[in-house]
PDB file of all heavy atoms in Angstrom:
ATOM      1  N   LEU A   1      -5.324  -6.905  -7.600  1.00  0.00           N
ATOM      2  CA  LEU A   1      -5.094  -5.592  -6.993  1.00  0.00           C
ATOM      3  C   LEU A   1      -6.371  -4.749  -6.983  1.00  0.00           C
ATOM      4  O   LEU A   1      -6.601  -3.972  -6.051  1.00  0.00           O
ATOM      5  CB  LEU A   1      -3.984  -4.851  -7.727  1.00  0.00           C
ATOM      6  CG  LEU A   1      -2.579  -5.467  -7.635  1.00  0.00           C
ATOM      7  CD1 LEU A   1      -1.560  -4.551  -8.297  1.00  0.00           C
ATOM      8  CD2 LEU A   1      -2.173  -5.744  -6.193  1.00  0.00           C
ATOM      9  N   GLU A   2      -7.182  -4.888  -7.994  1.00  0.00           N
ATOM     10  CA  GLU A   2      -8.462  -4.174  -8.003  1.00  0.00           C
ATOM     11  C   GLU A   2      -9.373  -4.695  -6.906  1.00  0.00           C
ATOM     12  O   GLU A   2     -10.155  -3.933  -6.316  1.00  0.00           O
ATOM     13  CB  GLU A   2      -9.125  -4.310  -9.370  1.00  0.00           C
ATOM     14  CG  GLU A   2      -8.424  -3.519 -10.466  1.00  0.00           C
ATOM     15  CD  GLU A   2      -8.987  -3.782 -11.848  1.00  0.00           C
ATOM     16  OE1 GLU A   2      -9.412  -4.932 -12.116  1.00  0.00           O
ATOM     17  OE2 GLU A   2      -9.002  -2.846 -12.663  1.00  0.00           O
ATOM     18  N   MET A   3      -9.272  -5.985  -6.614  1.00  0.00           N
ATOM     19  CA  MET A   3     -10.023  -6.538  -5.486  1.00  0.00           C
ATOM     20  C   MET A   3      -9.567  -5.899  -4.180  1.00  0.00           C
ATOM     21  O   MET A   3     -10.386  -5.536  -3.324  1.00  0.00           O
ATOM     22  CB  MET A   3      -9.853  -8.057  -5.446  1.00  0.00           C
ATOM     23  CG  MET A   3     -10.616  -8.759  -4.318  1.00  0.00           C
ATOM     24  SD  MET A   3      -9.720  -8.808  -2.750  1.00  0.00           S
ATOM     25  CE  MET A   3      -8.355  -9.890  -3.170  1.00  0.00           C
ATOM     26  N   LEU A   4      -8.224  -5.734  -4.021  1.00  0.00           N
ATOM     27  CA  LEU A   4      -7.716  -5.073  -2.821  1.00  0.00           C
ATOM     28  C   LEU A   4      -8.128  -3.602  -2.777  1.00  0.00           C
ATOM     29  O   LEU A   4      -8.391  -3.059  -1.698  1.00  0.00           O
ATOM     30  CB  LEU A   4      -6.192  -5.195  -2.761  1.00  0.00           C
ATOM     31  CG  LEU A   4      -5.629  -6.598  -2.521  1.00  0.00           C
ATOM     32  CD1 LEU A   4      -4.109  -6.559  -2.503  1.00  0.00           C
ATOM     33  CD2 LEU A   4      -6.156  -7.199  -1.218  1.00  0.00           C
ATOM     34  N   ASP A   5      -8.195  -2.953  -3.947  1.00  0.00           N
ATOM     35  CA  ASP A   5      -8.691  -1.575  -4.003  1.00  0.00           C
ATOM     36  C   ASP A   5     -10.126  -1.511  -3.484  1.00  0.00           C
ATOM     37  O   ASP A   5     -10.500  -0.595  -2.731  1.00  0.00           O
ATOM     38  CB  ASP A   5      -8.635  -1.040  -5.435  1.00  0.00           C
ATOM     39  CG  ASP A   5      -7.218  -0.765  -5.912  1.00  0.00           C
ATOM     40  OD1 ASP A   5      -6.331  -0.550  -5.069  1.00  0.00           O
ATOM     41  OD2 ASP A   5      -7.008  -0.768  -7.140  1.00  0.00           O
ATOM     42  N   THR A   6     -10.931  -2.482  -3.898  1.00  0.00           N
ATOM     43  CA  THR A   6     -12.329  -2.530  -3.461  1.00  0.00           C
ATOM     44  C   THR A   6     -12.413  -2.730  -1.953  1.00  0.00           C
ATOM     45  O   THR A   6     -13.220  -2.094  -1.264  1.00  0.00           O
ATOM     46  CB  THR A   6     -13.072  -3.658  -4.191  1.00  0.00           C
ATOM     47  OG1 THR A   6     -13.037  -3.423  -5.595  1.00  0.00           O
ATOM     48  CG2 THR A   6     -14.522  -3.734  -3.745  1.00  0.00           C
ATOM     49  N   LEU A   7     -11.577  -3.622  -1.436  1.00  0.00           N
ATOM     50  CA  LEU A   7     -11.541  -3.828   0.013  1.00  0.00           C
ATOM     51  C   LEU A   7     -11.194  -2.529   0.724  1.00  0.00           C
ATOM     52  O   LEU A   7     -11.838  -2.166   1.724  1.00  0.00           O
ATOM     53  CB  LEU A   7     -10.517  -4.911   0.359  1.00  0.00           C
ATOM     54  CG  LEU A   7     -10.200  -5.071   1.850  1.00  0.00           C
ATOM     55  CD1 LEU A   7     -11.427  -5.539   2.619  1.00  0.00           C
ATOM     56  CD2 LEU A   7      -9.027  -6.026   2.072  1.00  0.00           C
ATOM     57  N   ASN A   8     -10.206  -1.799   0.220  1.00  0.00           N
ATOM     58  CA  ASN A   8      -9.798  -0.553   0.872  1.00  0.00           C
ATOM     59  C   ASN A   8     -10.893   0.502   0.823  1.00  0.00           C
ATOM     60  O   ASN A   8     -11.054   1.299   1.754  1.00  0.00           O
ATOM     61  CB  ASN A   8      -8.515  -0.024   0.231  1.00  0.00           C
ATOM     62  CG  ASN A   8      -7.276  -0.732   0.748  1.00  0.00           C
ATOM     63  OD1 ASN A   8      -7.311  -1.380   1.793  1.00  0.00           O
ATOM     64  ND2 ASN A   8      -6.177  -0.615   0.025  1.00  0.00           N
ATOM     65  N   GLU A   9     -11.636   0.513  -0.261  1.00  0.00           N
ATOM     66  CA  GLU A   9     -12.772   1.445  -0.342  1.00  0.00           C
ATOM     67  C   GLU A   9     -13.805   1.107   0.723  1.00  0.00           C
ATOM     68  O   GLU A   9     -14.373   2.006   1.368  1.00  0.00           O
ATOM     69  CB  GLU A   9     -13.392   1.384  -1.737  1.00  0.00           C
ATOM     70  CG  GLU A   9     -12.515   1.976  -2.832  1.00  0.00           C
ATOM     71  CD  GLU A   9     -13.092   1.752  -4.217  1.00  0.00           C
ATOM     72  OE1 GLU A   9     -14.182   1.131  -4.310  1.00  0.00           O
ATOM     73  OE2 GLU A   9     -12.469   2.194  -5.198  1.00  0.00           O
ATOM     74  N   GLN A  10     -14.050  -0.174   0.920  1.00  0.00           N
ATOM     75  CA  GLN A  10     -15.017  -0.588   1.934  1.00  0.00           C
ATOM     76  C   GLN A  10     -14.507  -0.286   3.336  1.00  0.00           C
ATOM     77  O   GLN A  10     -15.278   0.136   4.210  1.00  0.00           O
ATOM     78  CB  GLN A  10     -15.315  -2.083   1.772  1.00  0.00           C
ATOM     79  CG  GLN A  10     -16.004  -2.430   0.460  1.00  0.00           C
ATOM     80  CD  GLN A  10     -16.223  -3.925   0.264  1.00  0.00           C
ATOM     81  OE1 GLN A  10     -15.919  -4.736   1.141  1.00  0.00           O
ATOM     82  NE2 GLN A  10     -16.741  -4.297  -0.894  1.00  0.00           N
ATOM     83  N   LEU A  11     -13.188  -0.473   3.551  1.00  0.00           N
ATOM     84  CA  LEU A  11     -12.622  -0.145   4.862  1.00  0.00           C
ATOM     85  C   LEU A  11     -12.669   1.359   5.116  1.00  0.00           C
ATOM     86  O   LEU A  11     -12.980   1.803   6.233  1.00  0.00           O
ATOM     87  CB  LEU A  11     -11.172  -0.641   4.937  1.00  0.00           C
ATOM     88  CG  LEU A  11     -10.963  -2.156   4.960  1.00  0.00           C
ATOM     89  CD1 LEU A  11      -9.481  -2.487   4.929  1.00  0.00           C
ATOM     90  CD2 LEU A  11     -11.618  -2.780   6.175  1.00  0.00           C
ATOM     91  N   ALA A  12     -12.359   2.147   4.087  1.00  0.00           N
ATOM     92  CA  ALA A  12     -12.377   3.605   4.240  1.00  0.00           C
ATOM     93  C   ALA A  12     -13.784   4.111   4.564  1.00  0.00           C
ATOM     94  O   ALA A  12     -13.958   5.050   5.353  1.00  0.00           O
ATOM     95  CB  ALA A  12     -11.850   4.266   2.969  1.00  0.00           C
ATOM     96  N   SER A  13     -14.791   3.496   3.962  1.00  0.00           N
ATOM     97  CA  SER A  13     -16.173   3.914   4.216  1.00  0.00           C
ATOM     98  C   SER A  13     -16.585   3.640   5.660  1.00  0.00           C
ATOM     99  O   SER A  13     -17.494   4.277   6.189  1.00  0.00           O
ATOM    100  CB  SER A  13     -17.123   3.203   3.254  1.00  0.00           C
ATOM    101  OG  SER A  13     -17.162   1.807   3.517  1.00  0.00           O
ATOM    102  N   LYS A  14     -15.876   2.701   6.313  1.00  0.00           N
ATOM    103  CA  LYS A  14     -16.153   2.375   7.715  1.00  0.00           C
ATOM    104  C   LYS A  14     -15.233   3.139   8.666  1.00  0.00           C
ATOM    105  O   LYS A  14     -15.321   2.970   9.884  1.00  0.00           O
ATOM    106  CB  LYS A  14     -15.982   0.876   7.951  1.00  0.00           C
ATOM    107  CG  LYS A  14     -16.902  -0.003   7.125  1.00  0.00           C
ATOM    108  CD  LYS A  14     -16.569  -1.468   7.365  1.00  0.00           C
ATOM    109  CE  LYS A  14     -17.393  -2.389   6.479  1.00  0.00           C
ATOM    110  NZ  LYS A  14     -17.012  -3.823   6.675  1.00  0.00           N
ATOM    111  N   GLY A  15     -14.336   3.949   8.098  1.00  0.00           N
ATOM    112  CA  GLY A  15     -13.401   4.680   8.933  1.00  0.00           C
ATOM    113  C   GLY A  15     -12.229   3.839   9.412  1.00  0.00           C
ATOM    114  O   GLY A  15     -11.527   4.228  10.352  1.00  0.00           O
ATOM    115  N   GLU A  16     -11.987   2.705   8.781  1.00  0.00           N
ATOM    116  CA  GLU A  16     -10.878   1.832   9.161  1.00  0.00           C
ATOM    117  C   GLU A  16      -9.668   2.083   8.270  1.00  0.00           C
ATOM    118  O   GLU A  16      -9.786   2.586   7.150  1.00  0.00           O
ATOM    119  CB  GLU A  16     -11.294   0.359   9.048  1.00  0.00           C
ATOM    120  CG  GLU A  16     -12.462  -0.022   9.943  1.00  0.00           C
ATOM    121  CD  GLU A  16     -12.846  -1.487   9.792  1.00  0.00           C
ATOM    122  OE1 GLU A  16     -11.970  -2.280   9.400  1.00  0.00           O
ATOM    123  OE2 GLU A  16     -14.016  -1.826  10.059  1.00  0.00           O
ATOM    124  N   ALA A  17      -8.487   1.742   8.772  1.00  0.00           N
ATOM    125  CA  ALA A  17      -7.250   1.963   8.029  1.00  0.00           C
ATOM    126  C   ALA A  17      -7.188   1.019   6.825  1.00  0.00           C
ATOM    127  O   ALA A  17      -7.436  -0.183   6.949  1.00  0.00           O
ATOM    128  CB  ALA A  17      -6.047   1.717   8.927  1.00  0.00           C
ATOM    129  N   PRO A  18      -6.872   1.554   5.646  1.00  0.00           N
ATOM    130  CA  PRO A  18      -6.767   0.692   4.459  1.00  0.00           C
ATOM    131  C   PRO A  18      -5.552  -0.210   4.545  1.00  0.00           C
ATOM    132  O   PRO A  18      -4.608   0.052   5.293  1.00  0.00           O
ATOM    133  CB  PRO A  18      -6.640   1.697   3.310  1.00  0.00           C
ATOM    134  CG  PRO A  18      -6.043   2.910   3.944  1.00  0.00           C
ATOM    135  CD  PRO A  18      -6.599   2.969   5.332  1.00  0.00           C
ATOM    136  N   VAL A  19      -5.572  -1.267   3.751  1.00  0.00           N
ATOM    137  CA  VAL A  19      -4.455  -2.202   3.691  1.00  0.00           C
ATOM    138  C   VAL A  19      -3.364  -1.595   2.806  1.00  0.00           C
ATOM    139  O   VAL A  19      -3.627  -1.164   1.675  1.00  0.00           O
ATOM    140  CB  VAL A  19      -4.909  -3.555   3.111  1.00  0.00           C
ATOM    141  CG1 VAL A  19      -3.714  -4.494   2.966  1.00  0.00           C
ATOM    142  CG2 VAL A  19      -5.984  -4.170   3.990  1.00  0.00           C
ATOM    143  N   ALA A  20      -2.137  -1.563   3.315  1.00  0.00           N
ATOM    144  CA  ALA A  20      -1.008  -1.024   2.540  1.00  0.00           C
ATOM    145  C   ALA A  20      -0.422  -2.131   1.673  1.00  0.00           C
ATOM    146  O   ALA A  20      -0.038  -3.180   2.177  1.00  0.00           O
ATOM    147  CB  ALA A  20       0.056  -0.465   3.476  1.00  0.00           C
ATOM    148  N   PHE A  21      -0.416  -1.886   0.384  1.00  0.00           N
ATOM    149  CA  PHE A  21       0.243  -2.810  -0.544  1.00  0.00           C
ATOM    150  C   PHE A  21       0.900  -1.978  -1.631  1.00  0.00           C
ATOM    151  O   PHE A  21       0.548  -0.830  -1.858  1.00  0.00           O
ATOM    152  CB  PHE A  21      -0.732  -3.830  -1.139  1.00  0.00           C
ATOM    153  CG  PHE A  21      -1.827  -3.245  -1.987  1.00  0.00           C
ATOM    154  CD1 PHE A  21      -1.675  -3.128  -3.365  1.00  0.00           C
ATOM    155  CD2 PHE A  21      -3.023  -2.814  -1.420  1.00  0.00           C
ATOM    156  CE1 PHE A  21      -2.679  -2.596  -4.153  1.00  0.00           C
ATOM    157  CE2 PHE A  21      -4.047  -2.281  -2.202  1.00  0.00           C
ATOM    158  CZ  PHE A  21      -3.872  -2.176  -3.569  1.00  0.00           C
ATOM    159  N   GLU A  22       1.860  -2.578  -2.304  1.00  0.00           N
ATOM    160  CA  GLU A  22       2.653  -1.830  -3.270  1.00  0.00           C
ATOM    161  C   GLU A  22       2.252  -2.186  -4.697  1.00  0.00           C
ATOM    162  O   GLU A  22       1.980  -3.349  -5.015  1.00  0.00           O
ATOM    163  CB  GLU A  22       4.144  -2.131  -3.079  1.00  0.00           C
ATOM    164  CG  GLU A  22       5.067  -1.174  -3.793  1.00  0.00           C
ATOM    165  CD  GLU A  22       6.518  -1.387  -3.408  1.00  0.00           C
ATOM    166  OE1 GLU A  22       6.820  -2.352  -2.674  1.00  0.00           O
ATOM    167  OE2 GLU A  22       7.362  -0.591  -3.853  1.00  0.00           O
ATOM    168  N   SER A  23       2.213  -1.198  -5.570  1.00  0.00           N
ATOM    169  CA  SER A  23       1.969  -1.427  -7.003  1.00  0.00           C
ATOM    170  C   SER A  23       2.387  -0.171  -7.753  1.00  0.00           C
ATOM    171  O   SER A  23       2.491   0.904  -7.174  1.00  0.00           O
ATOM    172  CB  SER A  23       0.495  -1.746  -7.289  1.00  0.00           C
ATOM    173  OG  SER A  23      -0.319  -0.616  -7.060  1.00  0.00           O
ATOM    174  N   ASP A  24       2.632  -0.351  -9.038  1.00  0.00           N
ATOM    175  CA  ASP A  24       3.021   0.791  -9.859  1.00  0.00           C
ATOM    176  C   ASP A  24       2.429   0.634 -11.247  1.00  0.00           C
ATOM    177  O   ASP A  24       1.362   1.159 -11.541  1.00  0.00           O
ATOM    178  CB  ASP A  24       4.541   0.912  -9.909  1.00  0.00           C
ATOM    179  CG  ASP A  24       5.010   2.195 -10.590  1.00  0.00           C
ATOM    180  OD1 ASP A  24       4.162   3.062 -10.856  1.00  0.00           O
ATOM    181  OD2 ASP A  24       6.210   2.331 -10.860  1.00  0.00           O
ATOM    182  N   CYS A  25       3.116  -0.134 -12.107  1.00  0.00           N
ATOM    183  CA  CYS A  25       2.686  -0.194 -13.501  1.00  0.00           C
ATOM    184  C   CYS A  25       1.383  -0.956 -13.698  1.00  0.00           C
ATOM    185  O   CYS A  25       0.609  -0.662 -14.591  1.00  0.00           O
ATOM    186  CB  CYS A  25       3.782  -0.843 -14.354  1.00  0.00           C
ATOM    187  SG  CYS A  25       3.994  -2.622 -14.077  1.00  0.00           S
ATOM    188  N   ARG A  26       1.136  -1.969 -12.864  1.00  0.00           N
ATOM    189  CA  ARG A  26      -0.025  -2.858 -13.002  1.00  0.00           C
ATOM    190  C   ARG A  26      -0.092  -3.499 -14.389  1.00  0.00           C
ATOM    191  O   ARG A  26      -1.166  -3.799 -14.908  1.00  0.00           O
ATOM    192  CB  ARG A  26      -1.325  -2.124 -12.675  1.00  0.00           C
ATOM    193  CG  ARG A  26      -1.332  -1.588 -11.245  1.00  0.00           C
ATOM    194  CD  ARG A  26      -2.715  -1.386 -10.686  1.00  0.00           C
ATOM    195  NE  ARG A  26      -2.676  -0.943  -9.299  1.00  0.00           N
ATOM    196  CZ  ARG A  26      -3.704  -1.010  -8.455  1.00  0.00           C
ATOM    197  NH1 ARG A  26      -4.852  -1.493  -8.860  1.00  0.00           N
ATOM    198  NH2 ARG A  26      -3.581  -0.594  -7.214  1.00  0.00           N
ATOM    199  N   GLU A  27       1.060  -3.705 -14.974  1.00  0.00           N
ATOM    200  CA  GLU A  27       1.155  -4.338 -16.289  1.00  0.00           C
ATOM    201  C   GLU A  27       2.149  -5.497 -16.285  1.00  0.00           C
ATOM    202  O   GLU A  27       2.578  -5.964 -17.338  1.00  0.00           O
ATOM    203  CB  GLU A  27       1.576  -3.313 -17.346  1.00  0.00           C
ATOM    204  CG  GLU A  27       0.556  -2.211 -17.567  1.00  0.00           C
ATOM    205  CD  GLU A  27       1.027  -1.180 -18.585  1.00  0.00           C
ATOM    206  OE1 GLU A  27       2.217  -1.226 -18.960  1.00  0.00           O
ATOM    207  OE2 GLU A  27       0.204  -0.345 -19.012  1.00  0.00           O
ATOM    208  N   GLY A  28       2.553  -5.944 -15.108  1.00  0.00           N
ATOM    209  CA  GLY A  28       3.470  -7.067 -15.024  1.00  0.00           C
ATOM    210  C   GLY A  28       4.896  -6.739 -15.379  1.00  0.00           C
ATOM    211  O   GLY A  28       5.660  -7.635 -15.748  1.00  0.00           O
ATOM    212  N   ILE A  29       5.289  -5.479 -15.268  1.00  0.00           N
ATOM    213  CA  ILE A  29       6.626  -5.051 -15.686  1.00  0.00           C
ATOM    214  C   ILE A  29       7.491  -4.613 -14.502  1.00  0.00           C
ATOM    215  O   ILE A  29       8.680  -4.910 -14.456  1.00  0.00           O
ATOM    216  CB  ILE A  29       6.527  -3.905 -16.713  1.00  0.00           C
ATOM    217  CG1 ILE A  29       5.789  -4.373 -17.961  1.00  0.00           C
ATOM    218  CG2 ILE A  29       7.912  -3.390 -17.089  1.00  0.00           C
ATOM    219  CD1 ILE A  29       5.479  -3.263 -18.941  1.00  0.00           C
ATOM    220  N   CYS A  30       6.919  -3.914 -13.532  1.00  0.00           N
ATOM    221  CA  CYS A  30       7.744  -3.295 -12.488  1.00  0.00           C
ATOM    222  C   CYS A  30       8.105  -4.244 -11.360  1.00  0.00           C
ATOM    223  O   CYS A  30       9.127  -4.079 -10.700  1.00  0.00           O
ATOM    224  CB  CYS A  30       7.043  -2.062 -11.927  1.00  0.00           C
ATOM    225  SG  CYS A  30       5.589  -2.429 -10.911  1.00  0.00           S
ATOM    226  N   GLY A  31       7.281  -5.246 -11.081  1.00  0.00           N
ATOM    227  CA  GLY A  31       7.588  -6.224 -10.046  1.00  0.00           C
ATOM    228  C   GLY A  31       7.280  -5.800  -8.632  1.00  0.00           C
ATOM    229  O   GLY A  31       7.600  -6.515  -7.684  1.00  0.00           O
ATOM    230  N   SER A  32       6.647  -4.657  -8.443  1.00  0.00           N
ATOM    231  CA  SER A  32       6.446  -4.145  -7.088  1.00  0.00           C
ATOM    232  C   SER A  32       5.249  -4.765  -6.370  1.00  0.00           C
ATOM    233  O   SER A  32       5.145  -4.646  -5.149  1.00  0.00           O
ATOM    234  CB  SER A  32       6.289  -2.620  -7.119  1.00  0.00           C
ATOM    235  OG  SER A  32       5.129  -2.253  -7.845  1.00  0.00           O
ATOM    236  N   CYS A  33       4.360  -5.440  -7.074  1.00  0.00           N
ATOM    237  CA  CYS A  33       3.081  -5.854  -6.492  1.00  0.00           C
ATOM    238  C   CYS A  33       3.122  -7.200  -5.774  1.00  0.00           C
ATOM    239  O   CYS A  33       2.096  -7.666  -5.287  1.00  0.00           O
ATOM    240  CB  CYS A  33       2.007  -5.904  -7.580  1.00  0.00           C
ATOM    241  SG  CYS A  33       2.361  -7.113  -8.892  1.00  0.00           S
ATOM    242  N   GLY A  34       4.281  -7.850  -5.717  1.00  0.00           N
ATOM    243  CA  GLY A  34       4.336  -9.221  -5.240  1.00  0.00           C
ATOM    244  C   GLY A  34       3.881  -9.438  -3.803  1.00  0.00           C
ATOM    245  O   GLY A  34       4.303  -8.724  -2.891  1.00  0.00           O
ATOM    246  N   VAL A  35       3.029 -10.439  -3.603  1.00  0.00           N
ATOM    247  CA  VAL A  35       2.618 -10.907  -2.279  1.00  0.00           C
ATOM    248  C   VAL A  35       2.425 -12.417  -2.362  1.00  0.00           C
ATOM    249  O   VAL A  35       2.361 -12.991  -3.449  1.00  0.00           O
ATOM    250  CB  VAL A  35       1.297 -10.239  -1.793  1.00  0.00           C
ATOM    251  CG1 VAL A  35       1.467  -8.741  -1.601  1.00  0.00           C
ATOM    252  CG2 VAL A  35       0.146 -10.530  -2.759  1.00  0.00           C
ATOM    253  N   MET A  36       2.330 -13.050  -1.203  1.00  0.00           N
ATOM    254  CA  MET A  36       2.022 -14.479  -1.131  1.00  0.00           C
ATOM    255  C   MET A  36       0.508 -14.652  -1.073  1.00  0.00           C
ATOM    256  O   MET A  36      -0.169 -13.996  -0.279  1.00  0.00           O
ATOM    257  CB  MET A  36       2.663 -15.105   0.103  1.00  0.00           C
ATOM    258  CG  MET A  36       4.171 -14.973   0.185  1.00  0.00           C
ATOM    259  SD  MET A  36       5.052 -15.912  -1.085  1.00  0.00           S
ATOM    260  CE  MET A  36       4.783 -17.581  -0.505  1.00  0.00           C
ATOM    261  N   ILE A  37      -0.012 -15.520  -1.920  1.00  0.00           N
ATOM    262  CA  ILE A  37      -1.449 -15.808  -1.953  1.00  0.00           C
ATOM    263  C   ILE A  37      -1.633 -17.302  -1.762  1.00  0.00           C
ATOM    264  O   ILE A  37      -1.180 -18.106  -2.591  1.00  0.00           O
ATOM    265  CB  ILE A  37      -2.077 -15.360  -3.281  1.00  0.00           C
ATOM    266  CG1 ILE A  37      -1.830 -13.868  -3.518  1.00  0.00           C
ATOM    267  CG2 ILE A  37      -3.578 -15.666  -3.296  1.00  0.00           C
ATOM    268  CD1 ILE A  37      -2.218 -13.395  -4.907  1.00  0.00           C
ATOM    269  N   ASN A  38      -2.232 -17.668  -0.652  1.00  0.00           N
ATOM    270  CA  ASN A  38      -2.403 -19.087  -0.303  1.00  0.00           C
ATOM    271  C   ASN A  38      -1.068 -19.838  -0.374  1.00  0.00           C
ATOM    272  O   ASN A  38      -0.985 -20.967  -0.867  1.00  0.00           O
ATOM    273  CB  ASN A  38      -3.434 -19.754  -1.204  1.00  0.00           C
ATOM    274  CG  ASN A  38      -4.848 -19.274  -0.916  1.00  0.00           C
ATOM    275  OD1 ASN A  38      -5.100 -18.645   0.112  1.00  0.00           O
ATOM    276  ND2 ASN A  38      -5.773 -19.561  -1.810  1.00  0.00           N
ATOM    277  N   GLY A  39      -0.022 -19.180   0.106  1.00  0.00           N
ATOM    278  CA  GLY A  39       1.284 -19.809   0.185  1.00  0.00           C
ATOM    279  C   GLY A  39       2.086 -19.817  -1.088  1.00  0.00           C
ATOM    280  O   GLY A  39       3.195 -20.357  -1.117  1.00  0.00           O
ATOM    281  N   ALA A  40       1.570 -19.223  -2.161  1.00  0.00           N
ATOM    282  CA  ALA A  40       2.277 -19.203  -3.438  1.00  0.00           C
ATOM    283  C   ALA A  40       2.647 -17.768  -3.805  1.00  0.00           C
ATOM    284  O   ALA A  40       1.809 -16.861  -3.720  1.00  0.00           O
ATOM    285  CB  ALA A  40       1.412 -19.809  -4.544  1.00  0.00           C
ATOM    286  N   ALA A  41       3.903 -17.560  -4.189  1.00  0.00           N
ATOM    287  CA  ALA A  41       4.342 -16.231  -4.603  1.00  0.00           C
ATOM    288  C   ALA A  41       3.621 -15.818  -5.877  1.00  0.00           C
ATOM    289  O   ALA A  41       3.618 -16.556  -6.862  1.00  0.00           O
ATOM    290  CB  ALA A  41       5.850 -16.223  -4.824  1.00  0.00           C
ATOM    291  N   HIS A  42       2.977 -14.677  -5.875  1.00  0.00           N
ATOM    292  CA  HIS A  42       2.194 -14.141  -7.002  1.00  0.00           C
ATOM    293  C   HIS A  42       0.926 -14.954  -7.281  1.00  0.00           C
ATOM    294  O   HIS A  42       0.261 -14.729  -8.285  1.00  0.00           O
ATOM    295  CB  HIS A  42       3.029 -14.066  -8.287  1.00  0.00           C
ATOM    296  CG  HIS A  42       4.053 -12.980  -8.288  1.00  0.00           C
ATOM    297  ND1 HIS A  42       3.734 -11.646  -8.220  1.00  0.00           N
ATOM    298  CD2 HIS A  42       5.407 -13.028  -8.353  1.00  0.00           C
ATOM    299  CE1 HIS A  42       4.848 -10.915  -8.254  1.00  0.00           C
ATOM    300  NE2 HIS A  42       5.873 -11.727  -8.313  1.00  0.00           N
ATOM    301  N   GLY A  43       0.598 -15.914  -6.441  1.00  0.00           N
ATOM    302  CA  GLY A  43      -0.642 -16.648  -6.627  1.00  0.00           C
ATOM    303  C   GLY A  43      -0.489 -17.953  -7.379  1.00  0.00           C
ATOM    304  O   GLY A  43       0.623 -18.390  -7.684  1.00  0.00           O
ATOM    305  N   PRO A  44      -1.614 -18.587  -7.716  1.00  0.00           N
ATOM    306  CA  PRO A  44      -1.584 -19.959  -8.241  1.00  0.00           C
ATOM    307  C   PRO A  44      -1.267 -20.101  -9.728  1.00  0.00           C
ATOM    308  O   PRO A  44      -1.072 -21.222 -10.201  1.00  0.00           O
ATOM    309  CB  PRO A  44      -3.017 -20.447  -7.968  1.00  0.00           C
ATOM    310  CG  PRO A  44      -3.850 -19.200  -8.074  1.00  0.00           C
ATOM    311  CD  PRO A  44      -2.993 -18.102  -7.514  1.00  0.00           C
ATOM    312  N   ILE A  45      -1.208 -19.016 -10.477  1.00  0.00           N
ATOM    313  CA  ILE A  45      -0.996 -19.099 -11.922  1.00  0.00           C
ATOM    314  C   ILE A  45       0.471 -18.834 -12.234  1.00  0.00           C
ATOM    315  O   ILE A  45       1.017 -17.787 -11.877  1.00  0.00           O
ATOM    316  CB  ILE A  45      -1.892 -18.089 -12.684  1.00  0.00           C
ATOM    317  CG1 ILE A  45      -3.344 -18.246 -12.251  1.00  0.00           C
ATOM    318  CG2 ILE A  45      -1.745 -18.284 -14.185  1.00  0.00           C
ATOM    319  CD1 ILE A  45      -3.927 -19.610 -12.510  1.00  0.00           C
ATOM    320  N   GLY A  46       1.125 -19.763 -12.906  1.00  0.00           N
ATOM    321  CA  GLY A  46       2.537 -19.611 -13.225  1.00  0.00           C
ATOM    322  C   GLY A  46       2.796 -18.512 -14.244  1.00  0.00           C
ATOM    323  O   GLY A  46       1.946 -18.210 -15.085  1.00  0.00           O
TER     324      GLY A  46
END
């Protein structure tokens, strides 16, 4: 998610629309951050 934050900062500096993604606790508790990464839910780590 911090990588996506960095991407959004770079997009904002260019005047482009940031990527919308969901997050809250960022501690693995709320479940809001889920996305598919290379075809795997939540990424490659179980």
